[in-house]
Amino acid sequence: MVDPNKESNSARLELANRLFFRLYQCANMLHKTGSRAVEAEGLTTQQWAVLGALSREKARDGMSVGDLARYLMVSRQNLSGLISRMERDGHLAVMPDGRDRRSRLVSMTASGRHVWHELARPKIAAYYEDILGDFSVNDVTHTLHYLLKILENMQRLDQDWIAGPSDAEGGDVD
């Protein structure tokens, strides 16, 4: 006799595998096609993300490197090289934080704002339309909802790994 729970778990695992593989493919294609969309401006998708993060009203006065890394969910090491290249290209300025001299603030320069607002954003909007043009507002809303739910669960798992095993899980706690 076939165990319905085992069959259900097997189907769920297969669907999960397909979902995460498609997310992996989407991330790779976003990098490839997104970079093409803004390459004339000398940008990559990573630089696009940095400029987008820094263009928010909340970041008007700049963001610390640590806050920017957390917002983008990248390591400080990966972000450091990216910031250096963007600073070299004149898109970003890095300065000591007036509130904490050990911290550095990253902000967009006038050139960075020009590249972002005048050159890149219209191409990004066209890129979004090319990708999502046949999606309804409801489709986009539902997709965003489920991606945020996946992201929240990944963040929870990441925090669990950082925290390590607890007493309840049989780990030693000093």
N, C-alpha and C. Protein backbone atom coordinates (compact mmCIF):
# COMPACT_ATOMS: atom_id res chain seq x y z
N MET A 1 0.83 -1.17 0.00
CA MET A 1 0.00 0.00 0.00
C MET A 1 0.89 1.25 0.00
N VAL A 2 0.44 2.30 -0.68
CA VAL A 2 1.17 3.56 -0.79
C VAL A 2 0.82 4.44 0.40
N ASP A 3 1.85 4.95 1.07
CA ASP A 3 1.65 5.86 2.20
C ASP A 3 1.37 7.26 1.65
N PRO A 4 0.14 7.80 1.86
CA PRO A 4 -0.19 9.13 1.30
C PRO A 4 0.70 10.25 1.87
N ASN A 5 1.12 10.12 3.13
CA ASN A 5 2.00 11.15 3.71
C ASN A 5 3.36 11.16 3.02
N LYS A 6 3.88 9.97 2.77
CA LYS A 6 5.18 9.87 2.11
C LYS A 6 5.09 10.40 0.67
N GLU A 7 4.00 10.06 0.00
CA GLU A 7 3.78 10.55 -1.37
C GLU A 7 3.63 12.07 -1.37
N SER A 8 2.91 12.61 -0.39
CA SER A 8 2.72 14.05 -0.27
C SER A 8 4.04 14.75 0.04
N ASN A 9 4.84 14.19 0.94
CA ASN A 9 6.14 14.79 1.27
C ASN A 9 7.07 14.75 0.06
N SER A 10 7.01 13.68 -0.70
CA SER A 10 7.85 13.57 -1.89
C SER A 10 7.45 14.62 -2.94
N ALA A 11 6.15 14.81 -3.13
CA ALA A 11 5.67 15.81 -4.09
C ALA A 11 6.04 17.21 -3.61
N ARG A 12 5.91 17.46 -2.30
CA ARG A 12 6.27 18.77 -1.73
C ARG A 12 7.76 19.06 -1.91
N LEU A 13 8.59 18.04 -1.68
CA LEU A 13 10.03 18.21 -1.86
C LEU A 13 10.36 18.49 -3.32
N GLU A 14 9.71 17.79 -4.23
CA GLU A 14 9.94 18.02 -5.66
C GLU A 14 9.52 19.44 -6.06
N LEU A 15 8.38 19.89 -5.58
CA LEU A 15 7.94 21.25 -5.87
C LEU A 15 8.89 22.29 -5.28
N ALA A 16 9.34 22.06 -4.04
CA ALA A 16 10.29 22.97 -3.40
C ALA A 16 11.59 23.03 -4.21
N ASN A 17 12.05 21.89 -4.65
CA ASN A 17 13.27 21.85 -5.45
C ASN A 17 13.10 22.66 -6.74
N ARG A 18 11.97 22.48 -7.40
CA ARG A 18 11.70 23.23 -8.64
C ARG A 18 11.60 24.73 -8.35
N LEU A 19 10.91 25.10 -7.27
CA LEU A 19 10.76 26.51 -6.91
C LEU A 19 12.12 27.16 -6.66
N PHE A 20 12.95 26.53 -5.84
CA PHE A 20 14.24 27.14 -5.51
C PHE A 20 15.18 27.14 -6.71
N PHE A 21 15.08 26.15 -7.56
CA PHE A 21 15.89 26.18 -8.78
C PHE A 21 15.45 27.33 -9.68
N ARG A 22 14.14 27.56 -9.78
CA ARG A 22 13.64 28.67 -10.59
C ARG A 22 14.07 30.01 -9.99
N LEU A 23 14.07 30.13 -8.66
CA LEU A 23 14.57 31.36 -8.02
C LEU A 23 16.04 31.57 -8.36
N TYR A 24 16.81 30.49 -8.33
CA TYR A 24 18.23 30.57 -8.68
C TYR A 24 18.39 31.05 -10.13
N GLN A 25 17.60 30.46 -11.03
CA GLN A 25 17.66 30.88 -12.44
C GLN A 25 17.23 32.34 -12.60
N CYS A 26 16.18 32.74 -11.89
CA CYS A 26 15.72 34.13 -11.97
C CYS A 26 16.81 35.09 -11.48
N ALA A 27 17.48 34.74 -10.39
CA ALA A 27 18.55 35.60 -9.86
C ALA A 27 19.66 35.74 -10.91
N ASN A 28 20.03 34.65 -11.54
CA ASN A 28 21.07 34.70 -12.57
C ASN A 28 20.62 35.52 -13.77
N MET A 29 19.38 35.33 -14.20
CA MET A 29 18.89 36.09 -15.35
C MET A 29 18.68 37.57 -15.00
N LEU A 30 18.30 37.86 -13.77
CA LEU A 30 18.20 39.25 -13.34
C LEU A 30 19.56 39.92 -13.46
N HIS A 31 20.58 39.24 -12.99
CA HIS A 31 21.93 39.81 -13.08
C HIS A 31 22.33 40.02 -14.55
N LYS A 32 22.08 39.03 -15.38
CA LYS A 32 22.48 39.09 -16.79
C LYS A 32 21.67 40.14 -17.57
N THR A 33 20.35 40.04 -17.51
CA THR A 33 19.52 40.94 -18.32
C THR A 33 19.40 42.32 -17.69
N GLY A 34 19.40 42.39 -16.35
CA GLY A 34 19.35 43.67 -15.68
C GLY A 34 20.60 44.49 -15.93
N SER A 35 21.76 43.81 -15.90
CA SER A 35 23.01 44.52 -16.19
C SER A 35 23.02 45.04 -17.62
N ARG A 36 22.47 44.27 -18.55
CA ARG A 36 22.37 44.75 -19.93
C ARG A 36 21.51 46.01 -20.03
N ALA A 37 20.45 46.05 -19.22
CA ALA A 37 19.53 47.19 -19.27
C ALA A 37 20.21 48.49 -18.87
N VAL A 38 21.22 48.42 -17.99
CA VAL A 38 21.86 49.65 -17.50
C VAL A 38 23.34 49.72 -17.83
N GLU A 39 23.81 48.85 -18.72
CA GLU A 39 25.24 48.83 -19.02
C GLU A 39 25.72 50.11 -19.71
N ALA A 40 24.86 50.77 -20.48
CA ALA A 40 25.26 52.01 -21.15
C ALA A 40 25.60 53.10 -20.13
N GLU A 41 25.06 52.99 -18.93
CA GLU A 41 25.36 53.94 -17.86
C GLU A 41 26.57 53.49 -17.05
N GLY A 42 27.17 52.37 -17.44
CA GLY A 42 28.32 51.85 -16.72
C GLY A 42 27.95 51.16 -15.42
N LEU A 43 26.70 50.69 -15.32
CA LEU A 43 26.22 50.07 -14.09
C LEU A 43 26.01 48.57 -14.26
N THR A 44 26.05 47.88 -13.13
CA THR A 44 25.65 46.48 -13.03
C THR A 44 24.41 46.42 -12.14
N THR A 45 23.82 45.25 -12.01
CA THR A 45 22.65 45.13 -11.13
C THR A 45 23.03 45.41 -9.68
N GLN A 46 24.25 45.06 -9.28
CA GLN A 46 24.67 45.34 -7.91
C GLN A 46 24.76 46.85 -7.69
N GLN A 47 25.32 47.57 -8.67
CA GLN A 47 25.42 49.02 -8.55
C GLN A 47 24.04 49.66 -8.61
N TRP A 48 23.18 49.11 -9.43
CA TRP A 48 21.78 49.54 -9.50
C TRP A 48 21.15 49.43 -8.12
N ALA A 49 21.37 48.30 -7.43
CA ALA A 49 20.80 48.09 -6.10
C ALA A 49 21.34 49.12 -5.10
N VAL A 50 22.63 49.39 -5.17
CA VAL A 50 23.24 50.37 -4.25
C VAL A 50 22.64 51.76 -4.50
N LEU A 51 22.59 52.18 -5.75
CA LEU A 51 22.01 53.50 -6.05
C LEU A 51 20.54 53.56 -5.65
N GLY A 52 19.82 52.49 -5.90
CA GLY A 52 18.41 52.44 -5.50
C GLY A 52 18.24 52.57 -4.00
N ALA A 53 19.08 51.87 -3.25
CA ALA A 53 19.01 51.95 -1.79
C ALA A 53 19.33 53.36 -1.30
N LEU A 54 20.33 53.96 -1.90
CA LEU A 54 20.76 55.30 -1.48
C LEU A 54 19.83 56.41 -1.98
N SER A 55 18.97 56.10 -2.95
CA SER A 55 18.07 57.11 -3.49
C SER A 55 16.82 57.28 -2.63
N ARG A 56 16.61 56.39 -1.68
CA ARG A 56 15.43 56.49 -0.82
C ARG A 56 15.53 57.71 0.09
N GLU A 57 14.41 58.30 0.40
CA GLU A 57 14.37 59.48 1.28
C GLU A 57 15.09 59.20 2.60
N LYS A 58 14.88 58.02 3.13
CA LYS A 58 15.49 57.63 4.40
C LYS A 58 17.02 57.67 4.35
N ALA A 59 17.58 57.51 3.16
CA ALA A 59 19.04 57.48 3.00
C ALA A 59 19.59 58.79 2.42
N ARG A 60 18.78 59.82 2.42
CA ARG A 60 19.15 61.10 1.82
C ARG A 60 20.50 61.60 2.34
N ASP A 61 20.74 61.44 3.63
CA ASP A 61 21.99 61.91 4.23
C ASP A 61 23.07 60.84 4.24
N GLY A 62 22.83 59.75 3.55
CA GLY A 62 23.79 58.65 3.48
C GLY A 62 23.41 57.50 4.40
N MET A 63 24.13 56.42 4.24
CA MET A 63 23.93 55.22 5.07
C MET A 63 25.30 54.72 5.48
N SER A 64 25.38 54.15 6.66
CA SER A 64 26.63 53.52 7.06
C SER A 64 26.84 52.29 6.17
N VAL A 65 28.09 51.90 6.03
CA VAL A 65 28.40 50.71 5.22
C VAL A 65 27.67 49.50 5.80
N GLY A 66 27.67 49.37 7.12
CA GLY A 66 26.99 48.24 7.76
C GLY A 66 25.49 48.22 7.50
N ASP A 67 24.86 49.41 7.62
CA ASP A 67 23.41 49.49 7.36
C ASP A 67 23.10 49.17 5.89
N LEU A 68 23.95 49.66 4.99
CA LEU A 68 23.74 49.40 3.57
C LEU A 68 23.90 47.90 3.28
N ALA A 69 24.90 47.28 3.88
CA ALA A 69 25.11 45.84 3.70
C ALA A 69 23.90 45.05 4.21
N ARG A 70 23.40 45.43 5.38
CA ARG A 70 22.22 44.73 5.94
C ARG A 70 21.00 44.95 5.06
N TYR A 71 20.80 46.16 4.57
CA TYR A 71 19.65 46.46 3.73
C TYR A 71 19.69 45.65 2.44
N LEU A 72 20.87 45.56 1.84
CA LEU A 72 21.03 44.81 0.58
C LEU A 72 21.21 43.31 0.80
N MET A 73 21.41 42.93 2.06
CA MET A 73 21.63 41.53 2.44
C MET A 73 22.86 40.94 1.75
N VAL A 74 23.94 41.70 1.81
CA VAL A 74 25.23 41.25 1.28
C VAL A 74 26.26 41.41 2.39
N SER A 75 27.41 40.77 2.21
CA SER A 75 28.46 40.92 3.21
C SER A 75 29.14 42.27 3.05
N ARG A 76 29.68 42.76 4.13
CA ARG A 76 30.42 44.02 4.09
C ARG A 76 31.61 43.90 3.14
N GLN A 77 32.22 42.72 3.09
CA GLN A 77 33.37 42.50 2.21
C GLN A 77 32.97 42.65 0.75
N ASN A 78 31.86 42.04 0.35
CA ASN A 78 31.40 42.17 -1.04
C ASN A 78 31.01 43.61 -1.35
N LEU A 79 30.39 44.27 -0.40
CA LEU A 79 29.95 45.64 -0.61
C LEU A 79 31.13 46.60 -0.68
N SER A 80 32.17 46.32 0.07
CA SER A 80 33.33 47.21 0.12
C SER A 80 33.96 47.42 -1.26
N GLY A 81 34.18 46.35 -2.00
CA GLY A 81 34.75 46.47 -3.34
C GLY A 81 33.82 47.21 -4.29
N LEU A 82 32.56 46.95 -4.17
CA LEU A 82 31.56 47.61 -5.00
C LEU A 82 31.54 49.11 -4.72
N ILE A 83 31.55 49.47 -3.46
CA ILE A 83 31.55 50.89 -3.08
C ILE A 83 32.81 51.56 -3.60
N SER A 84 33.94 50.90 -3.49
CA SER A 84 35.21 51.48 -3.97
C SER A 84 35.14 51.77 -5.47
N ARG A 85 34.61 50.82 -6.23
CA ARG A 85 34.48 51.03 -7.69
C ARG A 85 33.53 52.18 -8.00
N MET A 86 32.42 52.25 -7.27
CA MET A 86 31.44 53.31 -7.52
C MET A 86 31.97 54.67 -7.07
N GLU A 87 32.78 54.68 -6.03
CA GLU A 87 33.41 55.92 -5.59
C GLU A 87 34.43 56.37 -6.64
N ARG A 88 35.21 55.43 -7.17
CA ARG A 88 36.18 55.72 -8.23
C ARG A 88 35.48 56.30 -9.47
N ASP A 89 34.28 55.76 -9.77
CA ASP A 89 33.52 56.22 -10.94
C ASP A 89 32.78 57.53 -10.69
N GLY A 90 32.84 58.03 -9.45
CA GLY A 90 32.23 59.32 -9.14
C GLY A 90 30.77 59.26 -8.75
N HIS A 91 30.22 58.05 -8.56
CA HIS A 91 28.80 57.91 -8.22
C HIS A 91 28.53 58.00 -6.73
N LEU A 92 29.52 57.67 -5.92
CA LEU A 92 29.36 57.65 -4.47
C LEU A 92 30.44 58.46 -3.79
N ALA A 93 30.12 58.95 -2.60
CA ALA A 93 31.10 59.58 -1.72
C ALA A 93 31.09 58.81 -0.41
N VAL A 94 32.25 58.59 0.15
CA VAL A 94 32.38 57.90 1.43
C VAL A 94 33.09 58.85 2.37
N MET A 95 32.47 59.07 3.54
CA MET A 95 33.05 60.00 4.51
C MET A 95 32.83 59.47 5.92
N PRO A 96 33.63 59.92 6.86
CA PRO A 96 33.40 59.50 8.25
C PRO A 96 32.04 59.98 8.72
N ASP A 97 31.41 59.16 9.54
CA ASP A 97 30.12 59.51 10.14
C ASP A 97 30.37 60.52 11.25
N GLY A 98 29.72 61.67 11.20
CA GLY A 98 29.90 62.70 12.22
C GLY A 98 29.51 62.25 13.61
N ARG A 99 28.62 61.26 13.71
CA ARG A 99 28.17 60.75 15.01
C ARG A 99 29.07 59.66 15.56
N ASP A 100 29.76 58.94 14.65
CA ASP A 100 30.64 57.84 15.06
C ASP A 100 31.80 57.80 14.08
N ARG A 101 32.94 58.34 14.47
CA ARG A 101 34.08 58.48 13.58
C ARG A 101 34.61 57.14 13.07
N ARG A 102 34.28 56.04 13.75
CA ARG A 102 34.73 54.73 13.28
C ARG A 102 33.89 54.24 12.11
N SER A 103 32.70 54.77 11.99
CA SER A 103 31.77 54.37 10.94
C SER A 103 31.93 55.28 9.73
N ARG A 104 31.69 54.72 8.55
CA ARG A 104 31.75 55.52 7.33
C ARG A 104 30.35 55.61 6.73
N LEU A 105 30.01 56.80 6.23
CA LEU A 105 28.73 57.03 5.57
C LEU A 105 28.94 57.02 4.06
N VAL A 106 28.03 56.35 3.37
CA VAL A 106 28.05 56.29 1.92
C VAL A 106 26.86 57.08 1.41
N SER A 107 27.10 57.96 0.45
CA SER A 107 26.00 58.72 -0.14
C SER A 107 26.25 58.89 -1.63
N MET A 108 25.18 59.21 -2.35
CA MET A 108 25.29 59.46 -3.78
C MET A 108 25.86 60.85 -4.01
N THR A 109 26.71 60.96 -5.00
CA THR A 109 27.20 62.26 -5.43
C THR A 109 26.20 62.86 -6.41
N ALA A 110 26.45 64.09 -6.83
CA ALA A 110 25.59 64.71 -7.85
C ALA A 110 25.62 63.88 -9.13
N SER A 111 26.80 63.37 -9.47
CA SER A 111 26.93 62.51 -10.65
C SER A 111 26.13 61.22 -10.48
N GLY A 112 26.19 60.63 -9.30
CA GLY A 112 25.43 59.42 -9.03
C GLY A 112 23.94 59.66 -9.11
N ARG A 113 23.48 60.81 -8.58
CA ARG A 113 22.05 61.14 -8.66
C ARG A 113 21.63 61.35 -10.11
N HIS A 114 22.49 61.99 -10.90
CA HIS A 114 22.18 62.18 -12.32
C HIS A 114 22.07 60.83 -13.03
N VAL A 115 23.07 59.99 -12.83
CA VAL A 115 23.05 58.67 -13.47
C VAL A 115 21.81 57.90 -13.05
N TRP A 116 21.49 57.94 -11.75
CA TRP A 116 20.34 57.19 -11.25
C TRP A 116 19.02 57.76 -11.78
N HIS A 117 18.78 59.04 -11.53
CA HIS A 117 17.47 59.62 -11.85
C HIS A 117 17.25 59.85 -13.35
N GLU A 118 18.24 60.35 -14.02
CA GLU A 118 18.06 60.75 -15.42
C GLU A 118 18.36 59.64 -16.43
N LEU A 119 19.33 58.80 -16.14
CA LEU A 119 19.76 57.81 -17.12
C LEU A 119 19.27 56.40 -16.81
N ALA A 120 19.50 55.93 -15.59
CA ALA A 120 19.20 54.53 -15.26
C ALA A 120 17.72 54.26 -15.03
N ARG A 121 17.05 55.11 -14.24
CA ARG A 121 15.66 54.82 -13.88
C ARG A 121 14.72 54.66 -15.07
N PRO A 122 14.82 55.48 -16.11
CA PRO A 122 13.94 55.23 -17.27
C PRO A 122 14.21 53.86 -17.91
N LYS A 123 15.46 53.45 -17.95
CA LYS A 123 15.78 52.13 -18.52
C LYS A 123 15.33 51.01 -17.60
N ILE A 124 15.41 51.23 -16.31
CA ILE A 124 14.94 50.23 -15.35
C ILE A 124 13.42 50.08 -15.46
N ALA A 125 12.72 51.20 -15.61
CA ALA A 125 11.25 51.15 -15.77
C ALA A 125 10.89 50.37 -17.03
N ALA A 126 11.63 50.58 -18.11
CA ALA A 126 11.37 49.84 -19.36
C ALA A 126 11.68 48.36 -19.16
N TYR A 127 12.74 48.07 -18.43
CA TYR A 127 13.09 46.67 -18.12
C TYR A 127 11.97 46.00 -17.34
N TYR A 128 11.47 46.68 -16.30
CA TYR A 128 10.37 46.13 -15.52
C TYR A 128 9.16 45.86 -16.41
N GLU A 129 8.86 46.79 -17.31
CA GLU A 129 7.72 46.61 -18.19
C GLU A 129 7.93 45.42 -19.11
N ASP A 130 9.15 45.25 -19.63
CA ASP A 130 9.44 44.08 -20.48
C ASP A 130 9.22 42.78 -19.73
N ILE A 131 9.58 42.76 -18.46
CA ILE A 131 9.48 41.52 -17.67
C ILE A 131 8.07 41.32 -17.13
N LEU A 132 7.45 42.38 -16.64
CA LEU A 132 6.16 42.25 -15.94
C LEU A 132 4.97 42.76 -16.74
N GLY A 133 5.18 43.08 -18.00
CA GLY A 133 4.11 43.66 -18.82
C GLY A 133 2.86 42.80 -18.91
N ASP A 134 3.01 41.49 -18.88
CA ASP A 134 1.84 40.62 -18.98
C ASP A 134 1.34 40.16 -17.61
N PHE A 135 1.85 40.78 -16.54
CA PHE A 135 1.38 40.51 -15.18
C PHE A 135 0.32 41.55 -14.83
N SER A 136 -0.74 41.12 -14.18
CA SER A 136 -1.71 42.07 -13.65
C SER A 136 -1.14 42.65 -12.35
N VAL A 137 -1.76 43.71 -11.87
CA VAL A 137 -1.35 44.26 -10.57
C VAL A 137 -1.52 43.18 -9.50
N ASN A 138 -2.58 42.41 -9.62
CA ASN A 138 -2.83 41.33 -8.67
C ASN A 138 -1.72 40.27 -8.74
N ASP A 139 -1.28 39.93 -9.95
CA ASP A 139 -0.18 38.97 -10.11
C ASP A 139 1.08 39.47 -9.41
N VAL A 140 1.41 40.73 -9.63
CA VAL A 140 2.62 41.30 -9.02
C VAL A 140 2.48 41.34 -7.51
N THR A 141 1.31 41.71 -7.02
CA THR A 141 1.07 41.78 -5.58
C THR A 141 1.23 40.40 -4.94
N HIS A 142 0.65 39.38 -5.56
CA HIS A 142 0.76 38.03 -5.01
C HIS A 142 2.19 37.52 -5.07
N THR A 143 2.87 37.78 -6.18
CA THR A 143 4.27 37.34 -6.30
C THR A 143 5.12 38.00 -5.22
N LEU A 144 4.94 39.30 -5.05
CA LEU A 144 5.69 40.02 -4.02
C LEU A 144 5.38 39.46 -2.64
N HIS A 145 4.13 39.19 -2.37
CA HIS A 145 3.72 38.62 -1.07
C HIS A 145 4.48 37.32 -0.79
N TYR A 146 4.49 36.41 -1.76
CA TYR A 146 5.12 35.12 -1.53
C TYR A 146 6.64 35.22 -1.48
N LEU A 147 7.22 36.10 -2.26
CA LEU A 147 8.67 36.30 -2.19
C LEU A 147 9.07 36.88 -0.83
N LEU A 148 8.28 37.82 -0.32
CA LEU A 148 8.55 38.37 1.00
C LEU A 148 8.43 37.31 2.09
N LYS A 149 7.46 36.43 1.94
CA LYS A 149 7.28 35.34 2.91
C LYS A 149 8.49 34.39 2.88
N ILE A 150 8.97 34.06 1.69
CA ILE A 150 10.17 33.23 1.56
C ILE A 150 11.36 33.95 2.18
N LEU A 151 11.51 35.23 1.87
CA LEU A 151 12.63 36.01 2.41
C LEU A 151 12.59 36.06 3.93
N GLU A 152 11.43 36.30 4.50
CA GLU A 152 11.30 36.32 5.97
C GLU A 152 11.71 34.99 6.58
N ASN A 153 11.30 33.89 5.96
CA ASN A 153 11.67 32.57 6.47
C ASN A 153 13.17 32.32 6.34
N MET A 154 13.76 32.79 5.25
CA MET A 154 15.21 32.66 5.08
C MET A 154 15.95 33.49 6.13
N GLN A 155 15.46 34.69 6.41
CA GLN A 155 16.08 35.54 7.43
C GLN A 155 15.98 34.89 8.81
N ARG A 156 14.84 34.29 9.11
CA ARG A 156 14.66 33.59 10.38
C ARG A 156 15.66 32.44 10.47
N LEU A 157 15.78 31.66 9.41
CA LEU A 157 16.72 30.55 9.39
C LEU A 157 18.16 31.04 9.56
N ASP A 158 18.49 32.14 8.89
CA ASP A 158 19.82 32.72 9.00
C ASP A 158 20.10 33.12 10.45
N GLN A 159 19.13 33.75 11.10
CA GLN A 159 19.31 34.15 12.50
C GLN A 159 19.43 32.93 13.41
N ASP A 160 18.69 31.87 13.11
CA ASP A 160 18.79 30.64 13.89
C ASP A 160 20.19 30.06 13.77
N TRP A 161 20.77 30.08 12.56
CA TRP A 161 22.11 29.56 12.36
C TRP A 161 23.15 30.42 13.08
N ILE A 162 22.94 31.73 13.06
CA ILE A 162 23.88 32.64 13.74
C ILE A 162 23.82 32.40 15.25
N ALA A 163 22.60 32.23 15.77
CA ALA A 163 22.43 32.04 17.21
C ALA A 163 23.01 30.70 17.67
N GLY A 164 23.01 29.72 16.78
CA GLY A 164 23.53 28.40 17.14
C GLY A 164 22.51 27.59 17.90
N PRO A 165 22.90 26.38 18.28
CA PRO A 165 21.95 25.49 18.98
C PRO A 165 21.62 26.03 20.37
N SER A 166 20.38 25.83 20.78
CA SER A 166 19.94 26.25 22.12
C SER A 166 19.89 25.03 23.03
N ASP A 167 19.66 25.28 24.31
CA ASP A 167 19.51 24.17 25.26
C ASP A 167 18.41 23.22 24.84
N ALA A 168 17.33 23.78 24.31
CA ALA A 168 16.18 22.96 23.92
C ALA A 168 16.56 22.02 22.79
N GLU A 169 17.58 22.40 21.99
CA GLU A 169 17.99 21.55 20.88
C GLU A 169 19.17 20.67 21.25
N GLY A 170 19.53 20.68 22.52
CA GLY A 170 20.61 19.82 22.97
C GLY A 170 21.99 20.45 22.86
N GLY A 171 22.05 21.72 22.56
CA GLY A 171 23.34 22.40 22.46
C GLY A 171 23.83 22.86 23.81
N ASP A 172 25.11 23.06 23.95
CA ASP A 172 25.68 23.58 25.19
C ASP A 172 25.62 25.09 25.17
N VAL A 173 25.21 25.66 26.26
CA VAL A 173 25.17 27.11 26.41
C VAL A 173 26.00 27.48 27.62
N ASP A 174 26.95 28.39 27.42
CA ASP A 174 27.80 28.82 28.55
C ASP A 174 27.12 29.83 29.41
